[in-house]
Amino acid sequence: MKTPSRRRFLQISALAVAAPLAARLVVSDAHAQALPKLPLDNPQAKALGYIEDASKTTHASFKPGSNCTNCQFFTAATGACTLFAGFSVAPKGWCAAWAKKA
């Protein structure tokens, strides 16, 4: 039986350490790119009066200065909204479920 060399041991160790790190980078990039834009004809978007430009809404519950970027349901890093799972929303958008970010 051949004894593994120190060089071979170090190569295998380096791969074992680097593999999980590389996998994390690939997975996080995929998540960032995975969200399609919320279609305006989405039933939930229609029900909540979603609009891509808050300054153009005429909804009765709209408060000046409110938009997706300052809503508690919005995640700036991905553009995601917890109310519209699987979609990204416009940062300047607005819907009737808007709630001030804490």
Protein backbone atom coordinates (compact mmCIF):
# COMPACT_ATOMS: atom_id res chain seq x y z
CA MET A 1 0.00 0.00 0.00
CA LYS A 2 1.35 3.41 -1.02
CA THR A 3 1.53 6.10 1.68
CA PRO A 4 -0.04 9.42 0.59
CA SER A 5 2.40 12.28 0.26
CA ARG A 6 2.24 15.49 2.23
CA ARG A 7 1.61 17.42 -0.99
CA ARG A 8 -1.40 15.24 -1.86
CA PHE A 9 -2.77 15.64 1.68
CA LEU A 10 -2.51 19.45 1.46
CA GLN A 11 -4.23 19.50 -1.94
CA ILE A 12 -7.15 17.44 -0.68
CA SER A 13 -7.40 19.57 2.48
CA ALA A 14 -7.47 22.79 0.47
CA LEU A 15 -10.25 21.42 -1.74
CA ALA A 16 -12.25 20.32 1.30
CA VAL A 17 -12.06 23.84 2.76
CA ALA A 18 -12.71 25.71 -0.51
CA ALA A 19 -15.66 23.66 -1.79
CA PRO A 20 -18.28 24.88 0.73
CA LEU A 21 -17.17 28.49 0.28
CA ALA A 22 -17.46 28.27 -3.49
CA ALA A 23 -20.87 26.62 -3.21
CA ARG A 24 -22.12 29.49 -1.02
CA LEU A 25 -21.07 32.07 -3.59
CA VAL A 26 -22.79 30.23 -6.42
CA VAL A 27 -26.03 29.76 -4.44
CA SER A 28 -26.22 33.40 -3.27
CA ASP A 29 -25.75 34.65 -6.85
CA ALA A 30 -28.54 32.38 -8.04
CA HIS A 31 -30.92 33.70 -5.39
CA ALA A 32 -30.19 37.31 -6.29
CA GLN A 33 -30.97 36.68 -9.95
CA ALA A 34 -33.94 34.37 -9.39
CA LEU A 35 -36.69 36.93 -8.73
CA PRO A 36 -38.70 38.05 -11.76
CA LYS A 37 -40.43 41.44 -11.76
CA LEU A 38 -43.95 41.42 -10.29
CA PRO A 39 -46.46 41.55 -13.16
CA LEU A 40 -49.07 44.29 -12.80
CA ASP A 41 -51.80 41.81 -13.72
CA ASN A 42 -50.92 39.55 -10.78
CA PRO A 43 -54.19 39.00 -8.83
CA GLN A 44 -52.66 39.90 -5.47
CA ALA A 45 -50.96 42.98 -6.93
CA LYS A 46 -54.32 44.10 -8.33
CA ALA A 47 -56.10 43.44 -5.03
CA LEU A 48 -53.56 45.54 -3.11
CA GLY A 49 -53.49 48.33 -5.69
CA TYR A 50 -49.78 47.81 -6.44
CA ILE A 51 -48.24 50.45 -8.66
CA GLU A 52 -44.60 50.74 -9.79
CA ASP A 53 -44.42 54.50 -9.18
CA ALA A 54 -45.95 55.60 -5.88
CA SER A 55 -46.19 59.22 -7.02
CA LYS A 56 -48.77 58.19 -9.63
CA THR A 57 -51.23 56.44 -7.30
CA THR A 58 -54.68 57.81 -6.52
CA HIS A 59 -55.44 55.19 -3.87
CA ALA A 60 -57.31 56.61 -0.87
CA SER A 61 -54.96 55.09 1.73
CA PHE A 62 -51.76 56.40 0.11
CA LYS A 63 -49.60 58.56 2.40
CA PRO A 64 -47.15 60.94 0.70
CA GLY A 65 -43.58 59.70 1.01
CA SER A 66 -44.53 56.04 1.35
CA ASN A 67 -43.02 53.56 -1.11
CA CYS A 68 -41.52 50.09 -1.18
CA THR A 69 -38.08 51.21 0.04
CA ASN A 70 -39.47 52.40 3.36
CA CYS A 71 -41.94 49.52 3.82
CA GLN A 72 -41.35 46.79 6.40
CA PHE A 73 -42.14 44.05 3.86
CA PHE A 74 -39.43 45.12 1.37
CA THR A 75 -35.90 43.64 1.22
CA ALA A 76 -33.57 46.09 -0.52
CA ALA A 77 -30.81 43.55 -1.24
CA THR A 78 -33.04 41.41 -3.46
CA GLY A 79 -35.93 43.74 -4.31
CA ALA A 80 -38.25 41.14 -2.79
CA CYS A 81 -41.48 41.81 -0.96
CA THR A 82 -42.80 39.26 1.52
CA LEU A 83 -46.34 39.93 0.28
CA PHE A 84 -45.48 38.92 -3.29
CA ALA A 85 -43.47 35.74 -2.81
CA GLY A 86 -41.20 34.88 -5.71
CA PHE A 87 -41.26 38.34 -7.27
CA SER A 88 -39.29 41.55 -7.02
CA VAL A 89 -41.05 44.90 -6.74
CA ALA A 90 -40.05 48.39 -7.82
CA PRO A 91 -38.28 50.30 -5.01
CA LYS A 92 -40.39 53.36 -5.88
CA GLY A 93 -43.55 51.24 -5.97
CA TRP A 94 -46.41 51.16 -3.48
CA CYS A 95 -49.39 49.02 -2.45
CA ALA A 96 -52.23 49.31 0.07
CA ALA A 97 -50.44 46.96 2.49
CA TRP A 98 -47.60 49.48 2.98
CA ALA A 99 -46.38 49.58 6.59
CA LYS A 100 -43.65 51.90 7.84
CA LYS A 101 -40.29 50.19 8.31
CA ALA A 102 -39.23 50.10 11.96
